[in-house]
Amino acid sequence: MKIVQQGGTLHVSEIDQLAAADAVGFETAVLAALPVKPRQINIDLSETNFVDCGGLGALIAVRNKARRRNSSIKVRVLNPAVAARRLFKLTRADSLFPVERS
């Protein structure tokens, strides 16, 4: 996983999978890299082969904890595979995150 901070924006990419087994490590790494007053988090899932409910829970946890630092933060999920988009839609998580293709 690659995490790059540019000003108030955090870019997370090169995620192989986002599953229950990876959830704690993902959440810990992203939260540790958050700036004091984050404006935006971009999570690029273009290289992510698998997302399950545990991974989705980690995304939601990151969003909720980041919103405690800045209630107007935007957390975007970029380029998810079809299966991941389906999971976001079925769980209505797409109402929490803008799910976009770039």
Protein backbone atom coordinates (compact mmCIF):
# COMPACT_ATOMS: atom_id res chain seq x y z
CA MET A 1 0.00 0.00 0.00
CA LYS A 2 1.22 3.46 -0.88
CA ILE A 3 0.18 6.56 1.08
CA VAL A 4 1.12 10.07 -0.07
CA GLN A 5 0.14 13.29 1.66
CA GLN A 6 -0.09 16.47 -0.44
CA GLY A 7 -1.18 19.41 1.67
CA GLY A 8 -4.49 18.51 3.26
CA THR A 9 -5.13 15.62 0.86
CA LEU A 10 -4.15 12.02 1.53
CA HIS A 11 -3.80 9.69 -1.48
CA VAL A 12 -3.98 5.95 -0.74
CA SER A 13 -3.20 3.52 -3.58
CA GLU A 14 -1.55 0.22 -4.52
CA ILE A 15 -3.88 -1.76 -2.27
CA ASP A 16 -3.75 -5.46 -3.22
CA GLN A 17 -6.83 -6.47 -1.24
CA LEU A 18 -9.03 -4.93 1.40
CA ALA A 19 -10.38 -7.80 3.44
CA ALA A 20 -11.10 -8.51 7.09
CA ALA A 21 -7.53 -9.78 7.52
CA ASP A 22 -6.15 -6.47 6.22
CA ALA A 23 -8.66 -4.13 7.86
CA VAL A 24 -6.75 -3.22 11.03
CA GLY A 25 -3.46 -2.64 9.20
CA PHE A 26 -5.18 -0.52 6.54
CA GLU A 27 -7.04 1.58 9.09
CA THR A 28 -3.96 2.06 11.29
CA ALA A 29 -1.71 3.09 8.39
CA VAL A 30 -4.19 5.55 6.89
CA LEU A 31 -5.05 7.17 10.21
CA ALA A 32 -1.37 7.48 11.14
CA ALA A 33 -0.75 9.38 7.90
CA LEU A 34 -3.68 11.78 8.23
CA PRO A 35 -2.74 15.44 8.46
CA VAL A 36 -3.98 17.35 11.52
CA LYS A 37 -6.82 18.99 9.57
CA PRO A 38 -7.43 16.75 6.55
CA ARG A 39 -9.49 18.11 3.64
CA GLN A 40 -9.74 15.03 1.47
CA ILE A 41 -8.83 11.35 1.33
CA ASN A 42 -8.63 9.63 -2.07
CA ILE A 43 -8.61 5.84 -1.86
CA ASP A 44 -7.70 4.35 -5.23
CA LEU A 45 -8.91 0.76 -5.55
CA SER A 46 -7.78 0.30 -9.17
CA GLU A 47 -5.23 -2.34 -8.13
CA THR A 48 -7.44 -3.93 -5.48
CA ASN A 49 -8.43 -7.49 -6.38
CA PHE A 50 -10.78 -8.16 -3.47
CA VAL A 51 -12.91 -6.16 -1.04
CA ASP A 52 -15.10 -7.79 1.60
CA CYS A 53 -17.29 -6.50 4.42
CA GLY A 54 -14.29 -6.28 6.75
CA GLY A 55 -12.50 -4.06 4.27
CA LEU A 56 -15.62 -1.98 3.82
CA GLY A 57 -15.79 -1.63 7.61
CA ALA A 58 -12.21 -0.34 7.61
CA LEU A 59 -13.10 2.26 4.97
CA ILE A 60 -16.08 3.39 7.04
CA ALA A 61 -13.95 3.53 10.21
CA VAL A 62 -11.35 5.69 8.43
CA ARG A 63 -14.10 8.00 7.17
CA ASN A 64 -15.69 8.33 10.61
CA LYS A 65 -12.40 8.97 12.42
CA ALA A 66 -11.27 11.48 9.79
CA ARG A 67 -14.59 13.31 10.15
CA ARG A 68 -13.84 13.78 13.85
CA ARG A 69 -10.83 15.87 12.80
CA ASN A 70 -12.70 17.73 10.06
CA SER A 71 -16.46 17.30 9.71
CA SER A 72 -16.40 18.54 6.11
CA ILE A 73 -13.71 16.13 4.85
CA LYS A 74 -14.35 14.37 1.54
CA VAL A 75 -13.44 10.68 1.41
CA ARG A 76 -13.53 9.40 -2.17
CA VAL A 77 -13.21 5.84 -3.42
CA LEU A 78 -11.68 5.77 -6.89
CA ASN A 79 -11.73 3.09 -9.59
CA PRO A 80 -13.25 0.14 -7.72
CA ALA A 81 -13.77 -3.11 -9.62
CA VAL A 82 -17.29 -4.18 -10.53
CA ALA A 83 -17.58 -6.52 -7.53
CA ALA A 84 -16.49 -3.77 -5.13
CA ARG A 85 -18.95 -1.30 -6.69
CA ARG A 86 -21.68 -3.90 -6.23
CA LEU A 87 -20.72 -4.28 -2.54
CA PHE A 88 -20.85 -0.50 -2.05
CA LYS A 89 -24.26 -0.34 -3.69
CA LEU A 90 -25.75 -3.36 -1.84
CA THR A 91 -24.63 -2.03 1.55
CA ARG A 92 -25.49 1.56 0.62
CA ALA A 93 -21.93 2.56 1.43
CA ASP A 94 -22.01 4.48 -1.86
CA SER A 95 -24.04 7.07 0.05
CA LEU A 96 -21.07 7.56 2.41
CA PHE A 97 -18.34 7.75 -0.22
CA PRO A 98 -18.37 9.26 -3.66
CA VAL A 99 -17.41 6.21 -5.76
CA GLU A 100 -15.72 7.55 -8.89
CA ARG A 101 -13.73 6.48 -11.90
CA SER A 102 -10.79 8.66 -12.80
